[in-house]
């Protein structure tokens, strides 16, 4: 199955969540591949797919990259580089075969992957459900609910939420966000990533993210 992974905003832990979902899926004996259609702002040899491959030990591939750390369409436009089309990216995603194919977006749900399409459009084209990676601090309930509602407005199924970074000693707002997420969004919280999980070794990462359990339908 193909699953698209989005965030409630940029910097919420989407890549680390993809690695956790991939690692836990692989631990179950299922094959998994992680795809990044558009990468921005990273030098050669660095970027989200390299992080996922290091932490989860699964194949990870990107389709195209643009130089500046901006929304993909703006980064491409400023660099004078051609932007991919929805059809090209969808065909690329479909060319991979695994039990679970995770497609990581860029930033939030409506960030333009190119001038002509967003991750919503790609998910619709692929008939793919979503996983939403959410922040957990004050204000996160609103962002999570907005993201889920917008996805559902386009007819997309949201399979689950993942908390992008949970401090060892969360404040009151964060603790209540974790409790309230399923109630306000109507979507199960699959678990939360411990703060700093991306700095762990692969073995440590697998153990630390065992609380993030994907429920692929």
Protein backbone atom coordinates (compact mmCIF):
# COMPACT_ATOMS: atom_id res chain seq x y z
CA UNK A 1 0.00 0.00 0.00
CA UNK A 2 1.01 3.61 -0.61
CA UNK A 3 0.72 6.01 2.34
CA UNK A 4 1.48 9.73 2.22
CA UNK A 5 3.01 11.34 5.31
CA UNK A 6 2.45 15.02 5.97
CA UNK A 7 3.05 17.40 8.85
CA UNK A 8 1.00 20.07 10.56
CA UNK A 9 3.85 22.43 9.72
CA UNK A 10 7.51 22.38 8.79
CA UNK A 11 9.95 21.17 11.43
CA UNK A 12 7.49 19.00 13.38
CA UNK A 13 9.49 15.77 13.01
CA UNK A 14 8.02 14.35 9.83
CA UNK A 15 11.23 12.71 8.62
CA UNK A 16 11.96 11.09 11.99
CA UNK A 17 8.35 9.89 12.09
CA UNK A 18 8.77 8.34 8.63
CA UNK A 19 11.88 6.57 9.90
CA UNK A 20 10.00 5.30 12.96
CA UNK A 21 7.05 4.06 10.91
CA UNK A 22 9.45 2.38 8.49
CA UNK A 23 11.53 0.79 11.25
CA UNK A 24 8.51 -0.58 13.10
CA UNK A 25 6.98 -1.86 9.86
CA UNK A 26 10.22 -3.60 8.96
CA UNK A 27 10.38 -5.07 12.47
CA UNK A 28 7.04 -6.77 11.75
CA UNK A 29 8.55 -8.50 8.76
CA UNK A 30 6.94 -6.29 6.12
CA UNK A 31 8.89 -4.71 3.29
CA UNK A 32 8.93 -0.92 3.25
CA UNK A 33 10.41 1.87 1.17
CA UNK A 34 10.40 5.60 1.91
CA UNK A 35 10.14 8.13 -0.91
CA UNK A 36 10.76 11.89 -0.90
CA UNK A 37 9.40 13.42 -4.11
CA UNK A 38 11.05 16.82 -3.56
CA UNK A 39 13.98 17.70 -1.29
CA UNK A 40 15.12 21.27 -0.76
CA UNK A 41 18.03 23.01 0.91
CA UNK A 42 20.40 20.10 1.49
CA UNK A 43 23.94 19.51 0.15
CA UNK A 44 24.80 16.36 -1.76
CA UNK A 45 24.79 13.30 0.45
CA UNK A 46 22.48 14.84 3.03
CA UNK A 47 18.71 15.15 3.34
CA UNK A 48 15.66 13.33 4.56
CA UNK A 49 16.19 10.07 2.68
CA UNK A 50 19.69 9.73 4.13
CA UNK A 51 18.31 10.28 7.63
CA UNK A 52 15.61 7.65 7.10
CA UNK A 53 18.04 5.12 5.64
CA UNK A 54 20.45 5.60 8.56
CA UNK A 55 17.85 5.31 11.31
CA UNK A 56 15.50 2.70 9.86
CA UNK A 57 17.78 0.66 7.61
CA UNK A 58 15.27 0.66 4.75
CA UNK A 59 15.56 1.82 1.13
CA UNK A 60 14.85 5.53 0.75
CA UNK A 61 14.83 7.53 -2.48
CA UNK A 62 14.23 11.10 -3.64
CA UNK A 63 12.98 12.18 -7.04
CA UNK A 64 14.32 15.72 -7.37
CA UNK A 65 16.03 18.32 -5.20
CA UNK A 66 16.29 22.09 -5.28
CA UNK A 67 19.01 24.19 -3.62
CA UNK A 68 17.42 26.67 -1.23
CA UNK A 69 15.54 25.62 1.96
CA UNK A 70 12.19 26.98 0.78
CA UNK A 71 8.87 25.61 -0.36
CA UNK A 72 9.79 23.35 -3.31
CA UNK A 73 8.07 25.43 -5.98
CA UNK A 74 9.76 28.62 -4.78
CA UNK A 75 13.16 26.96 -4.50
CA UNK A 76 12.83 25.59 -8.03
CA UNK A 77 11.60 28.90 -9.39
CA UNK A 78 14.46 30.89 -7.83
CA UNK A 79 17.02 28.40 -9.15
CA UNK A 80 15.52 28.42 -12.65
CA UNK A 81 15.05 24.66 -12.52
CA UNK A 82 12.19 22.70 -14.10
CA UNK A 83 9.48 21.55 -11.71
CA UNK A 84 8.09 18.02 -11.77
CA UNK A 85 4.52 17.40 -12.82
CA UNK A 86 1.94 15.56 -10.76
CA UNK A 87 1.84 12.79 -13.34
CA UNK A 88 5.63 12.34 -13.28
CA UNK A 89 5.80 12.11 -9.50
CA UNK A 90 2.83 9.73 -9.30
CA UNK A 91 4.38 7.44 -11.91
CA UNK A 92 7.67 7.47 -9.99
CA UNK A 93 5.95 6.51 -6.75
CA UNK A 94 4.03 3.70 -8.45
CA UNK A 95 7.29 2.28 -9.83
CA UNK A 96 8.31 1.08 -6.34
CA UNK A 97 7.07 -2.21 -4.96
CA UNK A 98 6.86 -2.96 -1.22
CA UNK A 99 4.28 -3.95 1.35
CA UNK A 100 4.27 -0.31 2.47
CA UNK A 101 5.46 2.66 0.40
CA UNK A 102 5.75 5.81 2.51
CA UNK A 103 5.72 9.10 0.61
CA UNK A 104 7.01 12.04 2.64
CA UNK A 105 5.73 15.47 1.72
CA UNK A 106 7.40 18.82 2.34
CA UNK A 107 6.29 20.84 5.36
CA UNK A 108 2.53 21.02 5.79
CA UNK A 109 -0.29 19.52 3.79
CA UNK A 110 -0.77 22.40 1.35
CA UNK A 111 2.87 23.25 0.67
CA UNK A 112 3.40 23.33 -3.09
CA UNK A 113 5.58 20.48 -4.29
CA UNK A 114 5.44 22.36 -7.59
CA UNK A 115 3.45 25.37 -8.74
CA UNK A 116 0.75 23.04 -10.01
CA UNK A 117 0.22 20.60 -7.11
CA UNK A 118 0.44 19.88 -3.39
CA UNK A 119 0.70 16.66 -1.39
CA UNK A 120 -3.11 16.60 -1.28
CA UNK A 121 -3.20 16.39 -5.06
CA UNK A 122 -0.58 13.64 -5.07
CA UNK A 123 -2.45 11.62 -2.45
CA UNK A 124 -5.68 11.94 -4.41
CA UNK A 125 -3.91 10.90 -7.62
CA UNK A 126 -2.43 7.85 -5.85
CA UNK A 127 -5.65 7.05 -3.93
CA UNK A 128 -3.37 7.00 -0.88
CA UNK A 129 -4.37 7.55 2.75
CA UNK A 130 -2.45 9.92 5.01
CA UNK A 131 -0.54 9.86 8.26
CA UNK A 132 -0.28 13.27 9.93
CA UNK A 133 2.77 14.13 12.02
CA UNK A 134 1.85 16.80 14.52
CA UNK A 135 3.59 19.10 16.95
CA UNK A 136 2.47 18.69 20.55
CA UNK A 137 3.05 22.07 22.19
CA UNK A 138 0.52 24.85 22.76
CA UNK A 139 -1.52 25.50 19.60
CA UNK A 140 -0.99 22.04 18.16
CA UNK A 141 -4.58 20.86 18.58
CA UNK A 142 -5.77 23.55 16.20
CA UNK A 143 -3.10 22.73 13.62
CA UNK A 144 -3.80 19.00 13.80
CA UNK A 145 -7.53 19.42 13.43
CA UNK A 146 -7.16 21.84 10.52
CA UNK A 147 -4.84 19.40 8.73
CA UNK A 148 -7.14 16.41 9.26
CA UNK A 149 -10.24 18.33 8.20
CA UNK A 150 -8.58 19.65 5.03
CA UNK A 151 -7.42 16.16 4.07
CA UNK A 152 -10.89 14.76 4.66
CA UNK A 153 -12.43 17.59 2.67
CA UNK A 154 -10.54 16.20 -0.33
CA UNK A 155 -11.89 12.71 0.33
CA UNK A 156 -8.67 11.39 1.86
CA UNK A 157 -8.57 8.91 4.73
CA UNK A 158 -6.33 9.90 7.64
CA UNK A 159 -5.09 6.64 9.13
CA UNK A 160 -3.41 8.04 12.21
CA UNK A 161 -1.47 10.79 13.93
CA UNK A 162 2.12 10.69 15.19
CA UNK A 163 3.44 13.12 17.78
CA UNK A 164 6.60 14.53 16.28
CA UNK A 165 8.59 15.25 19.44
CA UNK A 166 7.63 14.59 23.05
CA UNK A 167 9.94 16.07 25.70
CA UNK A 168 11.01 13.89 28.60
CA UNK A 169 9.22 16.29 30.93
CA UNK A 170 6.32 17.76 28.91
CA UNK A 171 4.55 20.86 30.17
CA UNK A 172 0.84 20.96 30.91
CA UNK A 173 -0.15 22.14 27.41
CA UNK A 174 1.80 19.32 25.80
CA UNK A 175 0.38 16.66 28.12
CA UNK A 176 -3.15 17.85 27.41
CA UNK A 177 -2.46 17.98 23.66
CA UNK A 178 -1.48 14.31 23.71
CA UNK A 179 -4.68 13.45 25.57
CA UNK A 180 -6.97 15.56 23.41
CA UNK A 181 -5.57 14.82 19.93
CA UNK A 182 -7.86 11.84 19.19
CA UNK A 183 -10.91 13.66 20.56
CA UNK A 184 -10.55 16.85 18.52
CA UNK A 185 -9.39 15.20 15.27
CA UNK A 186 -11.36 11.95 15.36
CA UNK A 187 -8.12 10.14 14.45
CA UNK A 188 -6.09 7.76 16.60
CA UNK A 189 -2.73 8.88 17.93
CA UNK A 190 -0.34 6.07 17.03
CA UNK A 191 2.30 7.25 19.49
CA UNK A 192 4.82 10.01 20.08
CA UNK A 193 8.50 10.24 19.21
CA UNK A 194 10.79 11.00 22.14
CA UNK A 195 12.63 14.29 21.79
CA UNK A 196 16.08 13.74 20.26
CA UNK A 197 15.23 10.38 18.69
CA UNK A 198 16.93 11.39 15.46
CA UNK A 199 20.31 11.44 17.19
CA UNK A 200 20.16 7.81 18.31
CA UNK A 201 21.87 4.79 16.79
CA UNK A 202 19.63 2.53 14.66
CA UNK A 203 19.25 -0.02 17.47
CA UNK A 204 18.50 2.68 20.03
CA UNK A 205 16.07 4.32 17.62
CA UNK A 206 14.12 1.10 17.08
CA UNK A 207 13.75 0.62 20.83
CA UNK A 208 12.92 4.27 21.55
CA UNK A 209 10.20 4.41 18.90
CA UNK A 210 8.53 1.12 19.80
CA UNK A 211 5.60 3.13 21.12
CA UNK A 212 4.83 4.39 17.62
CA UNK A 213 2.82 1.53 16.17
CA UNK A 214 1.45 1.90 12.63
CA UNK A 215 -1.93 0.36 11.94
CA UNK A 216 -1.89 -0.18 8.21
CA UNK A 217 -5.35 -1.06 6.94
